[in-house]
Amino acid sequence: MKEKKEETVTLKHEIKMLQMSEISLLVNDYNDIFSSFDPRPYSQRALSGDFLTEAHKASKDKDDKIELKLLLPKKKRDPHKEIVIKERLKGHFEKHLHIIQKEKTNMIKEGVIFVMIGMILMLIATFILFKYAKKDFLLNFLVIILEPGGWFLFWEGLNQIIFESRKTRAKLEFYRKMSRCEITFLSY
């Protein structure tokens, strides 16, 4: 009976802790945060895909300022490890934020270049048609090649700028939030 009462008190305490913070994740030990395939120390170890997935799900409807609270059993907590793990988490989130920002910037730059090259090709095709008005077989053949190439590059560039760059939005938002979050460890 006493054990059941202690379980109820512990469960109520856990629920209260979960409600207090923006994002609370319950982990059995520090290894739940990291990949089980990576034997390196916590300062270098890869983060667990499950951990990242859960953090991503939990952060979707949150504001920019997030508190990430990691709940561990009191017996398994180690303040020295927690300092290293916080630094590792922050480093991971900041690194991936910069990587995704760079990918998006490069994607937009590439799209702009495609659009410009496409417009130049269409301009050349127009110039040939205007200046030489179907007098030469090779020039007509060149126009036939330049026009679809120009249109393809133009539309592919716009696709890169408008649609492909949007696909990074969710990841970018996640890593932006997480790189700014406050990480704390709590006992249960």
Foldseek 3Di string as FASTA:
>chain_A
DVVVVVVVVVVVVVVVVCVVFQAEDEDAAPCQQFDPVFPDQLLDTHGDPVNLVSLLVSCPPPDLEGAYEYEYAPVRDDVVSVVSNVVSQLVVLVVVLVVLVVVLVVLLVQLVVLQVQLVVLQVVLVCLCVVVVPPDPVNVVSSVVSNVSSVVSNVVSVCSNPPVSVVSVSVNSSSSSSNNYHYYYDYD
